[in-house]
C-alpha atoms as a PDB file:
ATOM      1  CA  MET A   1      38.236 -30.244 -29.029  1.00  0.00           C
ATOM      2  CA  PRO A   2      37.294 -27.285 -26.600  1.00  0.00           C
ATOM      3  CA  ARG A   3      33.732 -25.917 -27.748  1.00  0.00           C
ATOM      4  CA  VAL A   4      33.473 -22.032 -27.342  1.00  0.00           C
ATOM      5  CA  LEU A   5      30.592 -20.111 -27.991  1.00  0.00           C
ATOM      6  CA  LEU A   6      31.275 -16.661 -29.284  1.00  0.00           C
ATOM      7  CA  VAL A   7      28.910 -14.048 -28.702  1.00  0.00           C
ATOM      8  CA  GLU A   8      29.831 -10.737 -30.771  1.00  0.00           C
ATOM      9  CA  ASP A   9      27.705  -8.009 -32.823  1.00  0.00           C
ATOM     10  CA  ASP A  10      30.911  -6.550 -34.550  1.00  0.00           C
ATOM     11  CA  PRO A  11      31.454  -8.733 -37.602  1.00  0.00           C
ATOM     12  CA  ALA A  12      34.878  -7.592 -37.741  1.00  0.00           C
ATOM     13  CA  VAL A  13      35.843  -8.567 -34.426  1.00  0.00           C
ATOM     14  CA  ARG A  14      33.535 -11.903 -34.423  1.00  0.00           C
ATOM     15  CA  HIS A  15      35.567 -13.039 -37.712  1.00  0.00           C
ATOM     16  CA  GLY A  16      39.062 -11.933 -36.186  1.00  0.00           C
ATOM     17  CA  VAL A  17      38.431 -14.105 -32.694  1.00  0.00           C
ATOM     18  CA  ARG A  18      36.798 -16.710 -34.160  1.00  0.00           C
ATOM     19  CA  LEU A  19      39.600 -17.242 -36.606  1.00  0.00           C
ATOM     20  CA  ALA A  20      42.240 -17.260 -33.936  1.00  0.00           C
ATOM     21  CA  LEU A  21      40.445 -19.354 -31.908  1.00  0.00           C
ATOM     22  CA  ARG A  22      40.104 -21.784 -34.369  1.00  0.00           C
ATOM     23  CA  HIS A  23      43.577 -21.652 -34.979  1.00  0.00           C
ATOM     24  CA  ALA A  24      44.191 -22.378 -31.799  1.00  0.00           C
ATOM     25  CA  GLY A  25      41.954 -25.576 -32.336  1.00  0.00           C
ATOM     26  CA  HIS A  26      38.800 -24.618 -30.556  1.00  0.00           C
ATOM     27  CA  ASP A  27      35.910 -25.530 -32.276  1.00  0.00           C
ATOM     28  CA  VAL A  28      33.750 -22.383 -32.429  1.00  0.00           C
ATOM     29  CA  PHE A  29      30.302 -21.083 -33.069  1.00  0.00           C
ATOM     30  CA  ALA A  30      30.108 -17.490 -33.885  1.00  0.00           C
ATOM     31  CA  ALA A  31      26.444 -15.745 -32.700  1.00  0.00           C
ATOM     32  CA  ALA A  32      25.974 -12.473 -33.616  1.00  0.00           C
ATOM     33  CA  THR A  33      23.164 -11.470 -30.875  1.00  0.00           C
ATOM     34  CA  GLY A  34      22.537 -12.663 -27.561  1.00  0.00           C
ATOM     35  CA  GLU A  35      19.281 -14.092 -28.329  1.00  0.00           C
ATOM     36  CA  GLU A  36      21.505 -16.257 -31.216  1.00  0.00           C
ATOM     37  CA  GLY A  37      23.863 -17.366 -28.512  1.00  0.00           C
ATOM     38  CA  LEU A  38      20.802 -18.682 -26.057  1.00  0.00           C
ATOM     39  CA  ARG A  39      19.288 -20.488 -29.215  1.00  0.00           C
ATOM     40  CA  ILE A  40      22.193 -22.494 -29.679  1.00  0.00           C
ATOM     41  CA  LEU A  41      23.329 -22.889 -26.222  1.00  0.00           C
ATOM     42  CA  ASP A  42      21.631 -26.299 -25.617  1.00  0.00           C
ATOM     43  CA  SER A  43      22.102 -27.951 -29.033  1.00  0.00           C
ATOM     44  CA  PHE A  44      25.949 -26.450 -29.307  1.00  0.00           C
ATOM     45  CA  ARG A  45      26.970 -27.110 -25.738  1.00  0.00           C
ATOM     46  CA  PRO A  46      29.979 -25.091 -25.206  1.00  0.00           C
ATOM     47  CA  ASP A  47      32.853 -25.627 -22.851  1.00  0.00           C
ATOM     48  CA  VAL A  48      33.041 -21.869 -22.397  1.00  0.00           C
ATOM     49  CA  VAL A  49      31.386 -18.794 -23.568  1.00  0.00           C
ATOM     50  CA  VAL A  50      32.834 -15.693 -24.644  1.00  0.00           C
ATOM     51  CA  LEU A  51      30.232 -13.021 -24.467  1.00  0.00           C
ATOM     52  CA  ASP A  52      30.284  -9.319 -25.115  1.00  0.00           C
ATOM     53  CA  LEU A  53      28.837  -6.941 -22.679  1.00  0.00           C
ATOM     54  CA  MET A  54      27.585  -4.468 -25.264  1.00  0.00           C
ATOM     55  CA  LEU A  55      25.443  -6.377 -27.588  1.00  0.00           C
ATOM     56  CA  PRO A  56      21.792  -4.873 -29.578  1.00  0.00           C
ATOM     57  CA  GLY A  57      18.639  -6.298 -28.474  1.00  0.00           C
ATOM     58  CA  LEU A  58      19.368  -8.342 -25.300  1.00  0.00           C
ATOM     59  CA  GLY A  59      22.463  -7.273 -23.687  1.00  0.00           C
ATOM     60  CA  GLY A  60      25.184  -9.068 -22.460  1.00  0.00           C
ATOM     61  CA  LEU A  61      24.402  -8.756 -18.831  1.00  0.00           C
ATOM     62  CA  ASP A  62      21.233 -10.186 -19.369  1.00  0.00           C
ATOM     63  CA  VAL A  63      22.427 -12.918 -21.658  1.00  0.00           C
ATOM     64  CA  CYS A  64      25.038 -13.896 -18.449  1.00  0.00           C
ATOM     65  CA  ARG A  65      21.960 -13.835 -16.270  1.00  0.00           C
ATOM     66  CA  ARG A  66      19.708 -16.350 -18.604  1.00  0.00           C
ATOM     67  CA  ILE A  67      22.720 -18.546 -19.413  1.00  0.00           C
ATOM     68  CA  ARG A  68      23.375 -18.741 -15.094  1.00  0.00           C
ATOM     69  CA  ASP A  69      20.035 -19.476 -14.659  1.00  0.00           C
ATOM     70  CA  ARG A  70      20.407 -22.892 -16.504  1.00  0.00           C
ATOM     71  CA  ASP A  71      24.138 -23.712 -16.984  1.00  0.00           C
ATOM     72  CA  ALA A  72      27.188 -23.601 -15.196  1.00  0.00           C
ATOM     73  CA  VAL A  73      29.420 -23.325 -18.355  1.00  0.00           C
ATOM     74  CA  PRO A  74      31.787 -20.996 -17.716  1.00  0.00           C
ATOM     75  CA  ILE A  75      31.611 -17.142 -19.074  1.00  0.00           C
ATOM     76  CA  ILE A  76      34.102 -14.972 -20.326  1.00  0.00           C
ATOM     77  CA  MET A  77      32.775 -11.655 -20.371  1.00  0.00           C
ATOM     78  CA  VAL A  78      34.212  -8.862 -23.141  1.00  0.00           C
ATOM     79  CA  THR A  79      33.937  -5.256 -21.941  1.00  0.00           C
ATOM     80  CA  ALA A  80      35.359  -1.794 -22.895  1.00  0.00           C
ATOM     81  CA  ARG A  81      38.658  -1.024 -21.708  1.00  0.00           C
ATOM     82  CA  GLY A  82      38.620   0.550 -18.090  1.00  0.00           C
ATOM     83  CA  ASP A  83      34.729   0.419 -17.554  1.00  0.00           C
ATOM     84  CA  ASP A  84      35.265  -0.805 -13.787  1.00  0.00           C
ATOM     85  CA  VAL A  85      31.452  -0.377 -13.174  1.00  0.00           C
ATOM     86  CA  ASP A  86      30.629  -2.968 -16.159  1.00  0.00           C
ATOM     87  CA  ILE A  87      32.990  -5.375 -14.919  1.00  0.00           C
ATOM     88  CA  VAL A  88      31.997  -5.537 -11.732  1.00  0.00           C
ATOM     89  CA  VAL A  89      28.394  -5.799 -12.648  1.00  0.00           C
ATOM     90  CA  GLY A  90      29.024  -8.348 -15.394  1.00  0.00           C
ATOM     91  CA  LEU A  91      31.230 -10.700 -12.798  1.00  0.00           C
ATOM     92  CA  GLU A  92      28.502 -10.187 -10.237  1.00  0.00           C
ATOM     93  CA  ALA A  93      26.263 -11.408 -13.234  1.00  0.00           C
ATOM     94  CA  GLY A  94      27.668 -14.455 -12.990  1.00  0.00           C
ATOM     95  CA  ALA A  95      30.444 -13.978 -15.364  1.00  0.00           C
ATOM     96  CA  ASP A  96      33.547 -16.356 -14.709  1.00  0.00           C
ATOM     97  CA  ASP A  97      35.917 -13.935 -15.952  1.00  0.00           C
ATOM     98  CA  TYR A  98      36.607 -11.026 -18.311  1.00  0.00           C
ATOM     99  CA  VAL A  99      38.892  -9.388 -20.983  1.00  0.00           C
ATOM    100  CA  VAL A 100      39.108  -5.911 -22.247  1.00  0.00           C
ATOM    101  CA  LYS A 101      38.653  -4.581 -25.672  1.00  0.00           C
ATOM    102  CA  PRO A 102      40.669  -4.524 -27.918  1.00  0.00           C
ATOM    103  CA  VAL A 103      40.383  -8.295 -27.685  1.00  0.00           C
ATOM    104  CA  ARG A 104      44.051  -9.697 -28.077  1.00  0.00           C
ATOM    105  CA  SER A 105      43.647 -13.465 -28.990  1.00  0.00           C
ATOM    106  CA  ARG A 106      46.473 -14.365 -27.078  1.00  0.00           C
ATOM    107  CA  VAL A 107      45.059 -13.237 -24.014  1.00  0.00           C
ATOM    108  CA  LEU A 108      41.613 -14.421 -24.698  1.00  0.00           C
ATOM    109  CA  GLU A 109      42.897 -18.072 -25.396  1.00  0.00           C
ATOM    110  CA  ALA A 110      45.188 -17.761 -22.377  1.00  0.00           C
ATOM    111  CA  ARG A 111      41.993 -17.318 -20.157  1.00  0.00           C
ATOM    112  CA  ILE A 112      40.360 -20.164 -22.025  1.00  0.00           C
ATOM    113  CA  ARG A 113      42.892 -22.370 -21.499  1.00  0.00           C
ATOM    114  CA  ALA A 114      42.977 -21.479 -17.859  1.00  0.00           C
ATOM    115  CA  LEU A 115      39.164 -22.062 -17.277  1.00  0.00           C
ATOM    116  CA  LEU A 116      39.215 -25.051 -18.970  1.00  0.00           C
ATOM    117  CA  ARG A 117      42.569 -26.296 -16.680  1.00  0.00           C
ATOM    118  CA  ARG A 118      40.576 -25.288 -13.238  1.00  0.00           C
ATOM    119  CA  LEU A 119      37.203 -27.236 -14.377  1.00  0.00           C
ATOM    120  CA  ASP A 120      39.832 -30.666 -14.625  1.00  0.00           C
ATOM    121  CA  THR A 121      39.767 -30.804 -10.697  1.00  0.00           C
ATOM    122  CA  ARG A 122      38.344 -34.061 -10.070  1.00  0.00           C
ATOM    123  CA  GLY A 123      42.108 -35.461 -10.652  1.00  0.00           C
ATOM    124  CA  SER A 124      43.547 -38.433 -11.288  1.00  0.00           C
ATOM    125  CA  GLY A 125      43.863 -40.198  -7.489  1.00  0.00           C
ATOM    126  CA  SER A 126      41.907 -43.247  -7.046  1.00  0.00           C
ATOM    127  CA  THR A 127      41.528 -42.033  -2.951  1.00  0.00           C
ATOM    128  CA  ARG A 128      38.080 -40.668  -2.767  1.00  0.00           C
ATOM    129  CA  PRO A 129      38.249 -37.662  -0.632  1.00  0.00           C
ATOM    130  CA  PRO A 130      35.477 -37.719   2.657  1.00  0.00           C
ATOM    131  CA  LEU A 131      32.679 -35.452   2.429  1.00  0.00           C
ATOM    132  CA  GLU A 132      33.341 -32.487   4.255  1.00  0.00           C
ATOM    133  CA  THR A 133      30.844 -30.767   6.742  1.00  0.00           C
ATOM    134  CA  HIS A 134      31.167 -27.304   7.981  1.00  0.00           C
ATOM    135  CA  GLY A 135      27.534 -26.489  10.029  1.00  0.00           C
ATOM    136  CA  ALA A 136      25.180 -26.637   7.191  1.00  0.00           C
ATOM    137  CA  LEU A 137      27.273 -26.716   4.529  1.00  0.00           C
ATOM    138  CA  THR A 138      28.380 -30.127   2.944  1.00  0.00           C
ATOM    139  CA  ILE A 139      31.530 -30.070   0.100  1.00  0.00           C
ATOM    140  CA  ASP A 140      31.818 -32.748  -1.980  1.00  0.00           C
ATOM    141  CA  ARG A 141      34.973 -32.423  -3.436  1.00  0.00           C
ATOM    142  CA  ALA A 142      35.499 -35.713  -5.642  1.00  0.00           C
ATOM    143  CA  GLY A 143      32.070 -34.814  -7.030  1.00  0.00           C
ATOM    144  CA  LEU A 144      32.154 -30.991  -7.162  1.00  0.00           C
ATOM    145  CA  VAL A 145      29.056 -30.864  -5.088  1.00  0.00           C
ATOM    146  CA  VAL A 146      28.313 -28.382  -2.584  1.00  0.00           C
ATOM    147  CA  SER A 147      24.855 -28.358  -0.827  1.00  0.00           C
ATOM    148  CA  HIS A 148      23.759 -26.276   2.154  1.00  0.00           C
ATOM    149  CA  HIS A 149      20.875 -27.380   4.607  1.00  0.00           C
ATOM    150  CA  GLY A 150      20.487 -30.564   2.381  1.00  0.00           C
ATOM    151  CA  LEU A 151      20.025 -28.610  -0.925  1.00  0.00           C
ATOM    152  CA  PRO A 152      22.588 -28.136  -3.718  1.00  0.00           C
ATOM    153  CA  VAL A 153      24.002 -24.907  -4.345  1.00  0.00           C
ATOM    154  CA  PRO A 154      24.399 -24.228  -8.284  1.00  0.00           C
ATOM    155  CA  LEU A 155      27.748 -22.515  -8.433  1.00  0.00           C
ATOM    156  CA  ALA A 156      29.530 -21.569 -11.370  1.00  0.00           C
ATOM    157  CA  PRO A 157      33.292 -23.347 -12.047  1.00  0.00           C
ATOM    158  CA  SER A 158      35.008 -20.240 -10.379  1.00  0.00           C
ATOM    159  CA  GLU A 159      32.377 -19.743  -7.477  1.00  0.00           C
ATOM    160  CA  LEU A 160      33.148 -23.428  -6.926  1.00  0.00           C
ATOM    161  CA  ARG A 161      37.016 -23.478  -7.053  1.00  0.00           C
ATOM    162  CA  LEU A 162      36.941 -20.323  -4.817  1.00  0.00           C
ATOM    163  CA  LEU A 163      35.153 -22.036  -2.074  1.00  0.00           C
ATOM    164  CA  LEU A 164      37.111 -25.189  -2.208  1.00  0.00           C
ATOM    165  CA  THR A 165      40.358 -23.017  -2.068  1.00  0.00           C
ATOM    166  CA  LEU A 166      38.962 -21.230   0.885  1.00  0.00           C
ATOM    167  CA  ALA A 167      37.637 -24.310   2.957  1.00  0.00           C
ATOM    168  CA  ALA A 168      40.674 -26.308   2.209  1.00  0.00           C
ATOM    169  CA  SER A 169      42.487 -24.063   4.602  1.00  0.00           C
ATOM    170  CA  PRO A 170      39.731 -23.020   7.212  1.00  0.00           C
ATOM    171  CA  GLY A 171      40.680 -20.726  10.028  1.00  0.00           C
ATOM    172  CA  GLN A 172      43.460 -19.079   7.327  1.00  0.00           C
ATOM    173  CA  VAL A 173      43.297 -15.764   5.690  1.00  0.00           C
ATOM    174  CA  LEU A 174      43.978 -15.958   2.154  1.00  0.00           C
ATOM    175  CA  SER A 175      44.741 -12.388   0.529  1.00  0.00           C
ATOM    176  CA  ARG A 176      42.531 -11.528  -2.535  1.00  0.00           C
ATOM    177  CA  GLN A 177      46.012 -11.874  -4.827  1.00  0.00           C
ATOM    178  CA  GLN A 178      46.553 -15.357  -3.432  1.00  0.00           C
ATOM    179  CA  LEU A 179      42.850 -16.021  -4.753  1.00  0.00           C
ATOM    180  CA  LEU A 180      43.370 -14.623  -7.755  1.00  0.00           C
ATOM    181  CA  GLN A 181      46.519 -16.558  -8.400  1.00  0.00           C
ATOM    182  CA  ALA A 182      45.158 -20.316  -7.081  1.00  0.00           C
ATOM    183  CA  VAL A 183      41.688 -19.727  -8.791  1.00  0.00           C
ATOM    184  CA  TRP A 184      41.973 -17.796 -12.052  1.00  0.00           C
ATOM    185  CA  GLU A 185      45.895 -18.150 -12.334  1.00  0.00           C
ATOM    186  CA  HIS A 186      46.442 -14.036 -13.072  1.00  0.00           C
ATOM    187  CA  SER A 187      48.929 -11.964 -11.689  1.00  0.00           C
ATOM    188  CA  TYR A 188      47.691  -8.575 -12.468  1.00  0.00           C
ATOM    189  CA  HIS A 189      46.985  -6.981  -9.619  1.00  0.00           C
ATOM    190  CA  GLY A 190      43.840  -5.195 -10.455  1.00  0.00           C
ATOM    191  CA  ASP A 191      41.842  -8.491 -11.149  1.00  0.00           C
ATOM    192  CA  ILE A 192      41.074  -8.577  -7.497  1.00  0.00           C
ATOM    193  CA  ARG A 193      37.677  -7.301  -8.806  1.00  0.00           C
ATOM    194  CA  LEU A 194      37.182 -11.088  -9.440  1.00  0.00           C
ATOM    195  CA  VAL A 195      38.116 -12.144  -6.146  1.00  0.00           C
ATOM    196  CA  ASP A 196      35.315  -9.637  -4.651  1.00  0.00           C
ATOM    197  CA  ALA A 197      32.410 -10.312  -6.998  1.00  0.00           C
ATOM    198  CA  CYS A 198      32.811 -14.145  -6.732  1.00  0.00           C
ATOM    199  CA  VAL A 199      32.650 -14.146  -2.873  1.00  0.00           C
ATOM    200  CA  LYS A 200      29.708 -11.589  -3.146  1.00  0.00           C
ATOM    201  CA  ARG A 201      27.953 -14.290  -5.698  1.00  0.00           C
ATOM    202  CA  ILE A 202      28.566 -17.299  -3.196  1.00  0.00           C
ATOM    203  CA  ARG A 203      27.430 -15.310  -0.064  1.00  0.00           C
ATOM    204  CA  GLY A 204      24.201 -14.693  -2.315  1.00  0.00           C
ATOM    205  CA  LYS A 205      23.313 -17.951  -3.128  1.00  0.00           C
ATOM    206  CA  LEU A 206      24.277 -19.161   0.540  1.00  0.00           C
ATOM    207  CA  GLY A 207      21.649 -16.364   1.879  1.00  0.00           C
ATOM    208  CA  GLU A 208      23.941 -14.670   3.245  1.00  0.00           C
ATOM    209  CA  LEU A 209      23.949 -11.013   1.650  1.00  0.00           C
ATOM    210  CA  SER A 210      23.360  -9.485   4.427  1.00  0.00           C
ATOM    211  CA  GLY A 211      24.346  -9.093   8.042  1.00  0.00           C
ATOM    212  CA  ASP A 212      27.286 -11.220   9.290  1.00  0.00           C
ATOM    213  CA  PRO A 213      28.399 -14.239   6.745  1.00  0.00           C
ATOM    214  CA  ARG A 214      28.613 -17.335   8.006  1.00  0.00           C
ATOM    215  CA  TYR A 215      31.352 -18.923   6.186  1.00  0.00           C
ATOM    216  CA  ILE A 216      33.052 -16.482   4.191  1.00  0.00           C
ATOM    217  CA  HIS A 217      34.886 -13.513   6.191  1.00  0.00           C
ATOM    218  CA  THR A 218      36.088 -10.618   5.001  1.00  0.00           C
ATOM    219  CA  VAL A 219      39.333  -9.343   6.958  1.00  0.00           C
ATOM    220  CA  ARG A 220      39.509  -6.073   5.843  1.00  0.00           C
ATOM    221  CA  GLY A 221      42.618  -4.732   4.029  1.00  0.00           C
ATOM    222  CA  PHE A 222      43.637  -8.268   3.583  1.00  0.00           C
ATOM    223  CA  GLY A 223      41.616 -10.948   1.926  1.00  0.00           C
ATOM    224  CA  TYR A 224      39.053 -13.429   3.339  1.00  0.00           C
ATOM    225  CA  ARG A 225      38.839 -16.466   5.833  1.00  0.00           C
ATOM    226  CA  PHE A 226      36.372 -19.420   5.650  1.00  0.00           C
ATOM    227  CA  GLN A 227      35.214 -20.381   8.918  1.00  0.00           C
ATOM    228  CA  SER A 228      34.389 -23.899   9.463  1.00  0.00           C
ATOM    229  CA  SER A 229      32.837 -23.957  12.815  1.00  0.00           C
END
């Protein structure tokens, strides 16, 4: 039974979402504050965190960053409708996906299921793919481990899947829409912000936020291309 940590300060929303997720077969712990969510994180060991952005006390962005500092658990951010700035900032803070308020339980459940499916990338085949080396970057697809200059790169699930998708076709330009569907299984064109924010986070973890990026190149007006050598 997938475990979901819900962090939501509104009692009515918290109750409704918790009830819907439990009916969908999830084990849910509902925290009323960010502090409570962080306290329960290690003992509850959620498969997914559903995190409201607007929390009293410790805000959702800070909670997101603190989780990401110590854990790769997928995070779905809940934000106000149409608040693009909050969405982008939240994604750049480390969230893997987002839903807008008012939360529709079917949408949230679909996003949770999609995230959990994407985590199951090890496959059932018996042949272990060889290590990939792209300059100083090494990718172990079987172990889902990425290292750069010999040091492990702590990638969140969506970051890892995006990098694996791009690196699978070096030199090929993939549109944001193609990446959105491959990584997030979304079809809504507006969600391309997910792609841009995720690329920015990967570049940051590879030390490439400034200047000419070595691995993930932007193809203006279309998408991104992975450069192997």
